[in-house]
Amino acid sequence: MIASFYFIRNDMYTYVESDKFIRKYQGRTYILYKEYLNKKVKLEFDMLEEYMSVGYETFVINPKLLYTKDKELYNFFEKGGLQNENV
């Protein structure tokens, strides 16, 4: 994973870059960049806090774009992913 940083107020946080992301926000984590640099945290895919939200938004608004960029996530939503069976 290629990691970089973004700011919230005065703190630097880590985000991951990928060609399959719709926009940079999709790779956002809320892990402090200095913790990542000091190897206190190893970035894992499940740490991408906005991956699903941006993916779902794109699935609703422009499904062809999501299919082109991330077929696996598209297929997840197409098969009814994120359903709450308690509702």
C-alpha atoms as a PDB file:
ATOM      1  CA  MET A   1       0.000   0.000   0.000  1.00  0.00           C
ATOM      2  CA  ILE A   2       1.200   3.503  -0.778  1.00  0.00           C
ATOM      3  CA  ALA A   3       0.493   5.753   2.190  1.00  0.00           C
ATOM      4  CA  SER A   4       0.449   9.502   2.426  1.00  0.00           C
ATOM      5  CA  PHE A   5      -1.109  12.028   4.793  1.00  0.00           C
ATOM      6  CA  TYR A   6      -3.863  14.619   5.130  1.00  0.00           C
ATOM      7  CA  PHE A   7      -4.656  17.181   7.815  1.00  0.00           C
ATOM      8  CA  ILE A   8      -7.575  17.535  10.203  1.00  0.00           C
ATOM      9  CA  ARG A   9      -6.987  20.684  12.178  1.00  0.00           C
ATOM     10  CA  ASN A  10      -3.304  20.413  13.188  1.00  0.00           C
ATOM     11  CA  ASP A  11      -3.004  16.626  13.094  1.00  0.00           C
ATOM     12  CA  MET A  12      -1.662  14.566  10.184  1.00  0.00           C
ATOM     13  CA  TYR A  13      -3.542  11.362   9.399  1.00  0.00           C
ATOM     14  CA  THR A  14      -2.751   8.518   7.030  1.00  0.00           C
ATOM     15  CA  TYR A  15      -4.518   7.684   3.787  1.00  0.00           C
ATOM     16  CA  VAL A  16      -3.831   4.965   1.261  1.00  0.00           C
ATOM     17  CA  GLU A  17      -3.590   5.487  -2.488  1.00  0.00           C
ATOM     18  CA  SER A  18      -5.013   3.012  -4.994  1.00  0.00           C
ATOM     19  CA  ASP A  19      -6.033   3.091  -8.648  1.00  0.00           C
ATOM     20  CA  LYS A  20      -9.297   1.380  -7.757  1.00  0.00           C
ATOM     21  CA  PHE A  21     -10.471   4.215  -5.510  1.00  0.00           C
ATOM     22  CA  ILE A  22     -13.083   6.595  -6.896  1.00  0.00           C
ATOM     23  CA  ARG A  23     -11.487   9.517  -5.087  1.00  0.00           C
ATOM     24  CA  LYS A  24      -8.740  10.062  -2.530  1.00  0.00           C
ATOM     25  CA  TYR A  25     -11.240  10.221   0.354  1.00  0.00           C
ATOM     26  CA  GLN A  26     -11.953   6.511  -0.124  1.00  0.00           C
ATOM     27  CA  GLY A  27      -8.456   5.655   1.165  1.00  0.00           C
ATOM     28  CA  ARG A  28      -8.791   7.672   4.346  1.00  0.00           C
ATOM     29  CA  THR A  29      -7.903   6.249   7.741  1.00  0.00           C
ATOM     30  CA  TYR A  30      -7.979   7.952  11.098  1.00  0.00           C
ATOM     31  CA  ILE A  31      -4.517   6.712  12.049  1.00  0.00           C
ATOM     32  CA  LEU A  32      -2.020   9.405  12.924  1.00  0.00           C
ATOM     33  CA  TYR A  33       0.672   9.591  10.276  1.00  0.00           C
ATOM     34  CA  LYS A  34       3.474   9.691  12.873  1.00  0.00           C
ATOM     35  CA  GLU A  35       2.225   6.364  14.312  1.00  0.00           C
ATOM     36  CA  TYR A  36       2.351   4.876  10.830  1.00  0.00           C
ATOM     37  CA  LEU A  37       5.851   6.258  10.200  1.00  0.00           C
ATOM     38  CA  ASN A  38       7.087   4.961  13.563  1.00  0.00           C
ATOM     39  CA  LYS A  39       5.698   1.530  12.569  1.00  0.00           C
ATOM     40  CA  LYS A  40       3.374   1.452  15.576  1.00  0.00           C
ATOM     41  CA  VAL A  41       0.554   0.614  13.168  1.00  0.00           C
ATOM     42  CA  LYS A  42       0.565  -1.649  10.133  1.00  0.00           C
ATOM     43  CA  LEU A  43      -2.011  -0.524   7.588  1.00  0.00           C
ATOM     44  CA  GLU A  44      -4.618  -3.164   6.834  1.00  0.00           C
ATOM     45  CA  PHE A  45      -7.446  -3.011   4.312  1.00  0.00           C
ATOM     46  CA  ASP A  46     -10.113  -2.972   7.057  1.00  0.00           C
ATOM     47  CA  MET A  47      -8.676   0.293   8.398  1.00  0.00           C
ATOM     48  CA  LEU A  48      -9.959   2.204   5.374  1.00  0.00           C
ATOM     49  CA  GLU A  49     -12.782   3.980   7.133  1.00  0.00           C
ATOM     50  CA  GLU A  50     -14.419   5.492   4.038  1.00  0.00           C
ATOM     51  CA  TYR A  51     -13.892   2.704   1.505  1.00  0.00           C
ATOM     52  CA  MET A  52     -17.447   1.367   1.729  1.00  0.00           C
ATOM     53  CA  SER A  53     -19.190   4.738   2.006  1.00  0.00           C
ATOM     54  CA  VAL A  54     -17.629   6.153  -1.150  1.00  0.00           C
ATOM     55  CA  GLY A  55     -18.117   2.843  -2.923  1.00  0.00           C
ATOM     56  CA  TYR A  56     -21.810   2.712  -2.033  1.00  0.00           C
ATOM     57  CA  GLU A  57     -22.357   6.334  -3.013  1.00  0.00           C
ATOM     58  CA  THR A  58     -20.790   5.576  -6.398  1.00  0.00           C
ATOM     59  CA  PHE A  59     -22.825   2.377  -6.747  1.00  0.00           C
ATOM     60  CA  VAL A  60     -26.003   4.453  -6.400  1.00  0.00           C
ATOM     61  CA  ILE A  61     -24.963   7.470  -8.477  1.00  0.00           C
ATOM     62  CA  ASN A  62     -22.685   5.975 -11.143  1.00  0.00           C
ATOM     63  CA  PRO A  63     -22.571   2.158 -10.993  1.00  0.00           C
ATOM     64  CA  LYS A  64     -20.618   1.881 -14.259  1.00  0.00           C
ATOM     65  CA  LEU A  65     -17.773   3.882 -12.742  1.00  0.00           C
ATOM     66  CA  LEU A  66     -17.644   1.627  -9.678  1.00  0.00           C
ATOM     67  CA  TYR A  67     -17.729  -1.463 -11.894  1.00  0.00           C
ATOM     68  CA  THR A  68     -14.817  -0.103 -13.916  1.00  0.00           C
ATOM     69  CA  LYS A  69     -12.723   0.871 -10.887  1.00  0.00           C
ATOM     70  CA  ASP A  70     -13.550  -1.895  -8.367  1.00  0.00           C
ATOM     71  CA  LYS A  71     -15.496  -4.904  -9.686  1.00  0.00           C
ATOM     72  CA  GLU A  72     -15.229  -6.757  -6.367  1.00  0.00           C
ATOM     73  CA  LEU A  73     -16.919  -3.959  -4.433  1.00  0.00           C
ATOM     74  CA  TYR A  74     -19.498  -3.510  -7.195  1.00  0.00           C
ATOM     75  CA  ASN A  75     -20.359  -7.223  -7.005  1.00  0.00           C
ATOM     76  CA  PHE A  76     -20.680  -6.991  -3.224  1.00  0.00           C
ATOM     77  CA  PHE A  77     -23.322  -4.269  -3.518  1.00  0.00           C
ATOM     78  CA  GLU A  78     -25.000  -5.927  -6.503  1.00  0.00           C
ATOM     79  CA  LYS A  79     -25.544  -9.077  -4.448  1.00  0.00           C
ATOM     80  CA  GLY A  80     -27.218  -7.074  -1.688  1.00  0.00           C
ATOM     81  CA  GLY A  81     -24.267  -6.341   0.590  1.00  0.00           C
ATOM     82  CA  LEU A  82     -24.722  -4.313   3.754  1.00  0.00           C
ATOM     83  CA  GLN A  83     -28.206  -5.551   4.502  1.00  0.00           C
ATOM     84  CA  ASN A  84     -29.363  -5.413   8.097  1.00  0.00           C
ATOM     85  CA  GLU A  85     -31.312  -8.579   8.763  1.00  0.00           C
ATOM     86  CA  ASN A  86     -32.661  -7.203  12.080  1.00  0.00           C
ATOM     87  CA  VAL A  87     -34.797  -4.587  10.357  1.00  0.00           C
END
